[in-house]
Every structure is written in C-alpha cells, then in structure tokens.
C-alpha cells in the first residue's frame, strides 16, 4: 500500500485503516461496518499484491463524527489544552 499522507492523520480522531482480508466480500463488509458507525471515506474496490494471499483495502475514518444513533457516546471528545498538560 502507499504511504499514509500526513493530512489524513493531522488531527486527533482521524484514522487510516488498512485492511487485509481473505477476499473482497470480507474486506468490503468490514469497511461497511465502519461506515455505518463513523464518517468514512470508503474504497470502491480492493487491491491484490502479486504473489501475496488475500486482498487489501484502505479507508479513512473521522472518529469525531459518529453516524449511527448508538455511536454519539463513542465519538472522541476534543482534548483541551488544559487537559493535555
């Protein structure tokens, strides 16, 4: 996979998820579970590395933006300057 771009993890709560799975259906199903819970930039397809088993997929999450009604309590709260000292 390509290196992670610094912009994709420039703030707390931004996550890059690299998935390795046995097949397309498994990788895409896992990505769908993430997308149902948090704001997610999804991948349309998986990739295969020649000579390597399985497939790979990369997606980007923003854990600060929950999507499902059950998820608001799971959202990351901003860290204040005072709390981080």
Protein backbone atom coordinates (compact mmCIF):
# COMPACT_ATOMS: atom_id res chain seq x y z
CA UNK A 1 0.00 0.00 0.00
CA UNK A 2 1.04 3.59 -0.50
CA UNK A 3 2.49 5.55 2.43
CA UNK A 4 -0.03 7.34 4.65
CA UNK A 5 -0.46 11.01 3.75
CA UNK A 6 0.16 13.28 6.75
CA UNK A 7 -3.07 15.20 6.05
CA UNK A 8 -5.11 12.06 6.76
CA UNK A 9 -3.89 11.95 10.37
CA UNK A 10 -3.30 15.65 11.01
CA UNK A 11 -5.73 15.86 13.95
CA UNK A 12 -6.80 13.60 16.82
CA UNK A 13 -9.72 11.42 15.75
CA UNK A 14 -8.61 10.99 12.12
CA UNK A 15 -7.72 7.38 11.33
CA UNK A 16 -6.33 5.49 8.35
CA UNK A 17 -7.44 1.85 8.33
CA UNK A 18 -5.53 -0.67 6.22
CA UNK A 19 -7.46 -3.94 5.93
CA UNK A 20 -6.02 -7.28 4.87
CA UNK A 21 -8.65 -9.96 4.25
CA UNK A 22 -9.05 -13.32 2.57
CA UNK A 23 -11.47 -11.98 -0.06
CA UNK A 24 -13.26 -8.92 -1.44
CA UNK A 25 -16.53 -9.64 0.36
CA UNK A 26 -14.85 -9.81 3.77
CA UNK A 27 -12.85 -6.60 3.30
CA UNK A 28 -15.83 -4.66 1.96
CA UNK A 29 -18.13 -5.98 4.73
CA UNK A 30 -15.65 -4.80 7.38
CA UNK A 31 -15.43 -1.39 5.73
CA UNK A 32 -19.25 -1.19 5.68
CA UNK A 33 -19.39 -1.85 9.43
CA UNK A 34 -17.03 1.09 9.99
CA UNK A 35 -19.01 3.33 7.61
CA UNK A 36 -22.24 2.61 9.48
CA UNK A 37 -20.74 3.97 12.68
CA UNK A 38 -18.41 6.86 11.72
CA UNK A 39 -17.86 9.30 8.88
CA UNK A 40 -15.81 7.23 6.43
CA UNK A 41 -14.17 7.79 3.06
CA UNK A 42 -14.67 4.34 1.61
CA UNK A 43 -12.81 2.44 -1.08
CA UNK A 44 -14.78 1.15 -4.06
CA UNK A 45 -12.50 -1.82 -4.72
CA UNK A 46 -9.82 -3.89 -3.09
CA UNK A 47 -6.28 -4.42 -4.36
CA UNK A 48 -4.24 -7.57 -4.77
CA UNK A 49 -0.47 -7.82 -4.46
CA UNK A 50 1.07 -10.28 -6.90
CA UNK A 51 2.29 -13.38 -5.12
CA UNK A 52 0.56 -12.43 -1.84
CA UNK A 53 -2.59 -14.10 -0.49
CA UNK A 54 -5.81 -12.18 0.03
CA UNK A 55 -6.80 -8.61 -0.71
CA UNK A 56 -6.09 -5.18 0.76
CA UNK A 57 -8.24 -2.12 1.25
CA UNK A 58 -7.64 1.32 2.77
CA UNK A 59 -10.31 3.61 4.15
CA UNK A 60 -10.28 6.83 6.15
CA UNK A 61 -12.35 7.47 9.30
CA UNK A 62 -13.22 10.53 11.31
CA UNK A 63 -14.00 9.25 14.81
CA UNK A 64 -15.16 12.74 15.80
CA UNK A 65 -18.25 12.34 13.57
CA UNK A 66 -20.43 9.41 14.62
CA UNK A 67 -23.12 8.40 12.12
CA UNK A 68 -25.35 5.92 13.94
CA UNK A 69 -27.65 6.96 16.82
CA UNK A 70 -25.87 4.50 19.11
CA UNK A 71 -22.48 5.99 18.35
CA UNK A 72 -22.57 9.58 19.78
CA UNK A 73 -21.22 8.37 23.11
CA UNK A 74 -18.35 6.74 21.21
CA UNK A 75 -17.25 9.96 19.49
CA UNK A 76 -13.93 11.34 20.60
CA UNK A 77 -14.22 14.48 22.69
CA UNK A 78 -11.82 17.32 21.88
CA UNK A 79 -8.78 17.48 24.11
CA UNK A 80 -8.44 20.89 25.72
CA UNK A 81 -5.05 22.48 26.23
CA UNK A 82 -5.56 22.34 30.00
CA UNK A 83 -6.40 18.64 29.97
CA UNK A 84 -3.31 17.75 27.98
CA UNK A 85 -0.87 19.34 30.45
